[in-house]
C-alpha cells in the first residue's frame, strides 16, 4: 500500500518527461523491454473461417502481401495503390494519382463497367455491396470533404497529410523496424486491421481498413508477409456464397452480378 501511494505521489509531482525517463530506467534496470518490435516471418498464417467468426481480435496472422488490398481492389504491391505508387515514383506522383482517379461511384472506383439505367449511384455511392451504408467521416481532424485516401479528388491539406504519413512511416520502419509498442517516446501503433473475403473455391484475400500506410511501406521495403489483425468495427468475413444476403444486394442498390463483379476485383 505504501509503495502504491508513493508511486501516485511521484506521478503527481514530477514533470511527465522526468517520470517517463524514470520509467525507462526502472524497466531497463529490471531487465524489462522498453520496446516491442514486429519482425517479418517467413511462415504464412492464414485465418480459417472459424478464426474469422469466433477468433480473438488480437490474434496476429501473417498474410502474403499479394493478398492484401486497399479499397477499389488495389493490391498493396502495385502502382494501382496510391501510397505504393508514391513510394516508387515520388515527386508529384500522388498528386497526379488523385487528379487522374476521381470515380463517381463504387463501380468507377473498382473499374467495373455497368450498363444499367436503373442503378442510382447516390443510393450507395462508394459503399461496398457487402456493407451497410457507410459514411466516410475523414481522419486526423480532416472531414470527409477533404477526400478519400484511395481516390481523388482530395484537398491540398489531405494530400500533404497523406505524404507526411507515408514519409513518417517509411522513415520509422527503415530506422527502427516495425515498432508495435514503445515506453518512451510513447508508441502504441497496433497492427494493420483487415477483414477476410473468401470465394467458394476457398481462395482468400483481405481488405485493409486501417494501417494502410504501414502496409504500403512494408511492401515497398520488400516484406513478403505482412502481420495483420482482424478489424473490430466491420464484419470479419465476407463469403461469396452469401452474396444474395449482402446488405447492398438485399436493399436493391446492386444486383448479384454487379456485387460479384466488385467482389472479384479483390482477387
Protein backbone atom coordinates (compact mmCIF):
# COMPACT_ATOMS: atom_id res chain seq x y z
CA UNK A 1 0.00 0.00 0.00
CA UNK A 2 2.83 2.37 0.88
CA UNK A 3 4.60 1.77 -2.45
CA UNK A 4 1.35 2.31 -4.35
CA UNK A 5 0.75 5.66 -2.62
CA UNK A 6 4.37 6.66 -3.16
CA UNK A 7 4.09 5.92 -6.89
CA UNK A 8 0.92 8.03 -7.16
CA UNK A 9 2.64 10.89 -5.36
CA UNK A 10 5.67 10.72 -7.66
CA UNK A 11 3.44 10.70 -10.76
CA UNK A 12 1.56 13.74 -9.42
CA UNK A 13 4.56 15.94 -8.62
CA UNK A 14 7.14 15.04 -11.27
CA UNK A 15 7.04 16.53 -14.78
CA UNK A 16 5.87 13.88 -17.29
CA UNK A 17 9.21 13.76 -19.10
CA UNK A 18 11.14 13.13 -15.88
CA UNK A 19 8.67 10.41 -14.91
CA UNK A 20 8.96 8.79 -18.35
CA UNK A 21 12.76 8.71 -18.13
CA UNK A 22 12.40 7.21 -14.69
CA UNK A 23 10.15 4.51 -16.11
CA UNK A 24 12.66 3.68 -18.82
CA UNK A 25 15.48 3.43 -16.25
CA UNK A 26 13.33 1.23 -13.99
CA UNK A 27 12.40 -1.10 -16.87
CA UNK A 28 16.00 -1.44 -18.06
CA UNK A 29 17.31 -1.90 -14.53
CA UNK A 30 14.88 -4.78 -14.05
CA UNK A 31 15.64 -6.31 -17.44
CA UNK A 32 12.27 -5.43 -18.96
CA UNK A 33 11.78 -4.47 -22.60
CA UNK A 34 11.07 -0.81 -23.30
CA UNK A 35 10.13 -1.52 -26.91
CA UNK A 36 8.33 -4.31 -28.74
CA UNK A 37 9.05 -4.75 -32.43
CA UNK A 38 7.44 -6.99 -35.00
CA UNK A 39 9.69 -8.83 -37.42
CA UNK A 40 8.70 -10.33 -40.74
CA UNK A 41 8.01 -14.05 -40.50
CA UNK A 42 8.52 -16.48 -43.34
CA UNK A 43 5.69 -18.73 -42.15
CA UNK A 44 2.35 -17.79 -43.72
CA UNK A 45 -0.55 -17.85 -41.30
CA UNK A 46 -3.98 -17.51 -42.93
CA UNK A 47 -7.02 -17.39 -40.62
CA UNK A 48 -9.67 -20.05 -41.04
CA UNK A 49 -13.35 -19.29 -41.40
CA UNK A 50 -13.72 -20.30 -37.75
CA UNK A 51 -10.98 -17.81 -36.75
CA UNK A 52 -12.77 -15.06 -38.66
CA UNK A 53 -16.08 -15.69 -36.94
CA UNK A 54 -15.03 -16.67 -33.42
CA UNK A 55 -11.33 -15.87 -33.08
CA UNK A 56 -9.54 -13.35 -30.89
CA UNK A 57 -9.41 -9.81 -32.33
CA UNK A 58 -5.80 -9.52 -31.12
CA UNK A 59 -4.51 -12.69 -32.75
CA UNK A 60 -1.81 -11.98 -35.35
CA UNK A 61 -1.84 -13.55 -38.83
CA UNK A 62 0.90 -13.38 -41.46
CA UNK A 63 -0.57 -12.70 -44.87
CA UNK A 64 1.28 -12.68 -48.23
CA UNK A 65 1.39 -9.07 -49.42
CA UNK A 66 -0.23 -10.00 -52.75
CA UNK A 67 -3.39 -10.99 -50.85
CA UNK A 68 -3.84 -7.55 -49.26
CA UNK A 69 -5.99 -4.91 -50.94
CA UNK A 70 -6.97 -1.29 -50.47
CA UNK A 71 -10.44 0.00 -51.34
CA UNK A 72 -11.01 -0.26 -55.08
CA UNK A 73 -9.39 -3.69 -55.31
CA UNK A 74 -5.96 -2.02 -55.25
CA UNK A 75 -3.13 -4.51 -54.50
CA UNK A 76 -0.67 -3.09 -51.99
CA UNK A 77 2.33 -4.21 -54.06
CA UNK A 78 1.16 -2.45 -57.22
CA UNK A 79 1.28 1.11 -58.56
CA UNK A 80 -2.52 0.91 -58.65
CA UNK A 81 -2.30 1.58 -54.91
CA UNK A 82 -1.63 5.33 -54.39
CA UNK A 83 0.80 5.07 -51.44
CA UNK A 84 2.90 2.35 -53.06
CA UNK A 85 2.80 4.37 -56.29
CA UNK A 86 4.17 7.41 -54.44
CA UNK A 87 6.94 5.36 -52.79
CA UNK A 88 8.02 4.05 -56.19
CA UNK A 89 7.67 7.23 -58.19
CA UNK A 90 7.90 10.11 -55.66
CA UNK A 91 7.69 13.77 -56.58
CA UNK A 92 4.19 14.66 -57.80
CA UNK A 93 3.01 11.08 -58.38
CA UNK A 94 0.45 11.10 -55.54
CA UNK A 95 -0.99 14.42 -56.66
CA UNK A 96 -1.25 13.12 -60.23
CA UNK A 97 -2.82 9.89 -59.00
CA UNK A 98 -5.59 11.74 -57.20
CA UNK A 99 -6.11 14.06 -60.18
CA UNK A 100 -6.42 11.12 -62.59
CA UNK A 101 -8.54 8.83 -60.40
CA UNK A 102 -11.81 10.52 -59.47
CA UNK A 103 -14.60 7.91 -59.58
CA UNK A 104 -18.26 8.86 -59.39
CA UNK A 105 -19.35 5.73 -57.53
CA UNK A 106 -18.31 2.30 -56.27
CA UNK A 107 -18.30 0.82 -59.80
CA UNK A 108 -15.94 3.51 -61.09
CA UNK A 109 -13.70 3.11 -58.04
CA UNK A 110 -13.35 -0.62 -58.80
CA UNK A 111 -13.12 -0.09 -62.58
CA UNK A 112 -16.24 -2.15 -63.19
CA UNK A 113 -18.30 -1.22 -66.25
CA UNK A 114 -22.08 -1.36 -65.98
CA UNK A 115 -24.91 -0.67 -68.38
CA UNK A 116 -27.84 -0.32 -66.03
CA UNK A 117 -30.13 2.68 -66.33
CA UNK A 118 -31.86 1.65 -63.11
CA UNK A 119 -28.75 1.96 -60.99
CA UNK A 120 -28.82 5.05 -58.76
CA UNK A 121 -25.26 5.71 -57.54
CA UNK A 122 -26.44 8.24 -54.97
CA UNK A 123 -28.20 5.42 -53.10
CA UNK A 124 -24.96 3.74 -52.05
CA UNK A 125 -22.27 5.90 -53.67
CA UNK A 126 -18.95 4.37 -52.55
CA UNK A 127 -20.28 1.79 -50.08
CA UNK A 128 -19.33 -1.81 -50.88
CA UNK A 129 -22.18 -4.26 -51.61
CA UNK A 130 -21.41 -6.39 -48.55
CA UNK A 131 -21.57 -3.47 -46.11
CA UNK A 132 -24.42 -1.47 -44.71
CA UNK A 133 -24.33 2.08 -45.97
CA UNK A 134 -21.23 3.79 -44.60
CA UNK A 135 -20.50 7.49 -44.48
CA UNK A 136 -16.82 8.34 -44.81
CA UNK A 137 -16.01 10.61 -41.87
CA UNK A 138 -12.43 11.58 -42.65
CA UNK A 139 -9.42 11.29 -40.37
CA UNK A 140 -6.78 13.22 -38.43
CA UNK A 141 -9.03 16.23 -38.00
CA UNK A 142 -9.93 16.49 -41.69
CA UNK A 143 -13.59 15.98 -42.59
CA UNK A 144 -14.92 13.83 -45.42
CA UNK A 145 -15.00 16.88 -47.69
CA UNK A 146 -11.18 16.74 -47.87
CA UNK A 147 -11.34 13.45 -49.78
CA UNK A 148 -10.69 9.72 -49.50
CA UNK A 149 -7.26 8.04 -49.29
CA UNK A 150 -7.99 5.58 -52.13
CA UNK A 151 -9.06 8.08 -54.81
CA UNK A 152 -9.48 11.75 -55.68
CA UNK A 153 -10.32 14.49 -55.57
CA UNK A 154 -8.52 15.47 -52.36
CA UNK A 155 -7.79 18.84 -50.82
CA UNK A 156 -4.29 20.24 -50.54
CA UNK A 157 -4.40 19.54 -46.78
CA UNK A 158 -5.38 15.93 -47.39
CA UNK A 159 -2.60 15.49 -49.95
CA UNK A 160 0.01 16.90 -47.56
CA UNK A 161 -1.31 14.71 -44.74
CA UNK A 162 -1.02 11.53 -46.83
CA UNK A 163 2.53 12.39 -47.94
CA UNK A 164 3.55 13.23 -44.36
CA UNK A 165 2.16 9.93 -43.06
CA UNK A 166 3.87 7.90 -45.79
CA UNK A 167 7.24 9.57 -45.22
CA UNK A 168 7.00 9.31 -41.42
CA UNK A 169 6.03 5.65 -41.59
CA UNK A 170 8.79 4.76 -44.06
CA UNK A 171 11.47 6.58 -42.03
CA UNK A 172 10.43 4.81 -38.83
CA UNK A 173 10.39 1.38 -40.47
CA UNK A 174 13.81 1.94 -42.03
CA UNK A 175 15.36 3.19 -38.79
CA UNK A 176 13.69 1.08 -36.12
CA UNK A 177 11.76 -1.72 -37.82
CA UNK A 178 8.08 -2.15 -37.04
CA UNK A 179 7.56 -0.76 -33.53
CA UNK A 180 4.34 -2.14 -32.12
CA UNK A 181 4.85 -0.69 -28.66
CA UNK A 182 7.39 1.61 -27.02
CA UNK A 183 7.51 3.02 -23.50
CA UNK A 184 9.11 6.38 -24.33
CA UNK A 185 8.61 8.25 -26.54
CA UNK A 186 5.26 6.52 -26.24
CA UNK A 187 4.18 4.45 -29.26
CA UNK A 188 1.19 2.14 -29.37
CA UNK A 189 0.64 1.55 -33.05
CA UNK A 190 -1.02 -1.87 -33.02
CA UNK A 191 -1.03 -3.69 -36.39
CA UNK A 192 -2.89 -3.20 -39.69
CA UNK A 193 -6.52 -4.27 -39.40
CA UNK A 194 -8.38 -6.18 -42.13
CA UNK A 195 -11.36 -8.34 -42.88
CA UNK A 196 -11.40 -11.54 -44.91
CA UNK A 197 -13.04 -12.12 -48.30
CA UNK A 198 -13.46 -15.76 -49.27
CA UNK A 199 -14.52 -17.40 -52.52
CA UNK A 200 -16.47 -20.65 -52.79
CA UNK A 201 -13.25 -22.20 -54.10
CA UNK A 202 -11.55 -21.39 -50.79
CA UNK A 203 -9.36 -18.61 -52.21
CA UNK A 204 -8.91 -15.77 -49.70
CA UNK A 205 -7.97 -12.12 -49.81
CA UNK A 206 -8.01 -9.29 -47.26
CA UNK A 207 -9.31 -5.73 -47.38
CA UNK A 208 -7.08 -3.49 -45.25
CA UNK A 209 -9.13 -0.86 -43.42
CA UNK A 210 -6.51 0.59 -41.05
CA UNK A 211 -2.73 0.72 -41.20
CA UNK A 212 -2.77 1.26 -44.96
CA UNK A 213 0.34 3.48 -44.97
CA UNK A 214 2.26 0.86 -42.97
CA UNK A 215 1.27 -1.94 -45.33
CA UNK A 216 2.33 0.08 -48.39
CA UNK A 217 5.68 0.94 -46.77
CA UNK A 218 6.33 -2.67 -45.73
CA UNK A 219 5.52 -3.82 -49.26
CA UNK A 220 7.89 -1.19 -50.66
CA UNK A 221 10.65 -2.34 -48.28
CA UNK A 222 10.28 -5.89 -49.54
CA UNK A 223 8.20 -7.58 -46.85
CA UNK A 224 6.70 -10.72 -48.37
CA UNK A 225 4.31 -11.43 -45.48
CA UNK A 226 2.50 -8.72 -43.54
CA UNK A 227 1.34 -9.14 -39.91
CA UNK A 228 -2.33 -8.20 -39.54
CA UNK A 229 -5.23 -8.46 -37.11
CA UNK A 230 -8.96 -8.54 -37.74
CA UNK A 231 -10.78 -5.22 -37.77
CA UNK A 232 -13.06 -4.61 -34.79
CA UNK A 233 -15.65 -2.36 -36.43
CA UNK A 234 -16.73 -4.37 -39.51
CA UNK A 235 -17.86 -7.97 -40.07
CA UNK A 236 -14.67 -10.04 -40.17
CA UNK A 237 -15.59 -12.26 -43.12
CA UNK A 238 -17.38 -11.81 -46.45
CA UNK A 239 -18.39 -15.05 -48.17
CA UNK A 240 -19.06 -15.31 -51.91
CA UNK A 241 -21.75 -17.91 -51.25
CA UNK A 242 -23.73 -15.36 -49.22
CA UNK A 243 -23.85 -12.73 -51.97
CA UNK A 244 -27.66 -12.73 -52.06
CA UNK A 245 -27.65 -11.78 -48.36
CA UNK A 246 -25.26 -8.86 -48.64
CA UNK A 247 -26.90 -5.59 -47.47
CA UNK A 248 -26.37 -3.77 -50.77
CA UNK A 249 -27.99 -6.65 -52.68
CA UNK A 250 -30.92 -7.01 -50.28
CA UNK A 251 -31.77 -3.31 -50.48
CA UNK A 252 -31.62 -3.37 -54.30
CA UNK A 253 -28.68 -1.00 -54.81
CA UNK A 254 -26.76 -3.81 -56.50
CA UNK A 255 -27.88 -6.97 -58.24
CA UNK A 256 -25.90 -10.14 -57.59
CA UNK A 257 -23.84 -9.89 -60.76
CA UNK A 258 -22.84 -6.31 -60.03
CA UNK A 259 -21.95 -7.20 -56.45
CA UNK A 260 -19.84 -10.13 -57.59
CA UNK A 261 -18.05 -8.01 -60.21
CA UNK A 262 -16.89 -5.71 -57.41
CA UNK A 263 -16.06 -8.63 -55.10
CA UNK A 264 -13.86 -10.22 -57.76
CA UNK A 265 -11.66 -7.12 -58.03
CA UNK A 266 -10.17 -8.16 -54.67
CA UNK A 267 -8.75 -11.35 -56.17
